[in-house]
Protein backbone atom coordinates (compact mmCIF):
# COMPACT_ATOMS: atom_id res chain seq x y z
CA MET A 1 -30.52 10.92 19.74
CA ALA A 2 -29.74 13.97 17.71
CA ASP A 3 -32.57 15.98 16.16
CA PRO A 4 -33.39 14.60 12.75
CA ASP A 5 -32.68 16.71 9.71
CA LEU A 6 -34.61 17.11 6.51
CA GLY A 7 -32.95 14.07 4.99
CA ASP A 8 -34.29 11.90 7.83
CA ILE A 9 -37.92 12.64 6.88
CA VAL A 10 -39.47 10.70 3.94
CA THR A 11 -42.92 9.79 2.63
CA PRO A 12 -44.30 6.25 3.72
CA ALA A 13 -44.19 5.18 0.14
CA LYS A 14 -40.39 6.08 -0.16
CA PHE A 15 -39.68 4.34 3.22
CA GLU A 16 -41.55 1.28 2.05
CA ARG A 17 -39.68 1.28 -1.33
CA ASP A 18 -36.25 1.94 0.34
CA HIS A 19 -36.83 -0.93 2.85
CA PRO A 20 -38.78 -3.64 1.19
CA ASP A 21 -37.51 -6.51 3.60
CA PHE A 22 -39.23 -4.84 6.45
CA PHE A 23 -42.64 -5.39 4.84
CA THR A 24 -42.18 -9.03 3.77
CA GLY A 25 -43.07 -12.19 5.52
CA LYS A 26 -46.22 -13.67 6.93
CA GLY A 27 -47.82 -11.43 9.67
CA THR A 28 -45.89 -8.49 8.65
CA PRO A 29 -47.94 -5.35 8.73
CA SER A 30 -48.04 -2.99 5.88
CA MET A 31 -46.86 0.59 5.97
CA GLU A 32 -50.49 1.64 5.24
CA TYR A 33 -51.84 -0.21 8.28
CA LEU A 34 -48.95 1.11 10.55
CA ILE A 35 -49.77 4.67 9.32
CA ARG A 36 -53.44 4.13 9.74
CA THR A 37 -53.06 2.84 13.36
CA ARG A 38 -50.26 5.41 14.32
CA HIS A 39 -52.39 6.86 17.05
CA THR A 40 -52.83 3.51 18.75
CA ASN A 41 -49.59 1.81 18.03
CA GLY A 42 -47.27 4.55 19.35
CA LEU A 43 -45.83 5.85 16.20
CA ALA A 44 -47.61 9.32 16.52
CA ASP A 45 -46.70 9.45 20.29
CA CYS A 46 -42.99 8.85 19.65
CA GLY A 47 -42.80 11.27 16.83
CA ALA A 48 -41.80 8.62 14.19
CA VAL A 49 -44.89 9.70 12.11
CA VAL A 50 -45.58 13.43 11.80
CA GLU A 51 -48.28 15.33 9.78
CA PRO A 52 -46.89 18.82 8.78
CA VAL A 53 -49.72 19.01 6.21
CA LYS A 54 -53.05 17.59 7.17
CA ARG A 55 -53.63 14.06 6.05
CA ARG A 56 -50.07 13.73 4.53
CA PRO A 57 -48.14 11.81 7.14
CA LEU A 58 -44.33 11.65 6.83
CA ILE A 59 -41.92 9.23 8.42
CA VAL A 60 -39.07 10.41 10.66
CA VAL A 61 -36.65 7.58 9.81
CA PRO A 62 -34.47 7.50 13.02
CA LYS A 63 -37.57 7.72 15.32
CA PHE A 64 -39.39 4.91 13.28
CA VAL A 65 -36.27 2.64 13.57
CA GLY A 66 -36.22 3.31 17.37
CA TRP A 67 -39.94 2.49 17.49
CA VAL A 68 -39.33 -0.80 15.51
CA LEU A 69 -36.49 -1.71 17.97
CA SER A 70 -38.33 -0.94 21.07
CA ARG A 71 -41.27 -3.19 19.91
CA LYS A 72 -38.82 -5.91 19.26
CA ASN A 73 -37.28 -5.67 22.69
CA ALA A 74 -40.62 -5.51 24.42
CA ALA A 75 -41.76 -8.85 22.94
């Protein structure tokens, strides 16, 4: 995977607005929950959620999509 550029980094709120279908349906976790549990669910470890400013997490979209696909394939 190529290194992400600045256009690949968004706030959690923007990601959720841009991809509402990802957060609908019974049992679907909210972005707030995913961010809150990023240190245990693997999002922080894979670089999908970064914190360049303390307590202001940002989403690295290509890595987040990779994390989602890896979870689906692991199930």
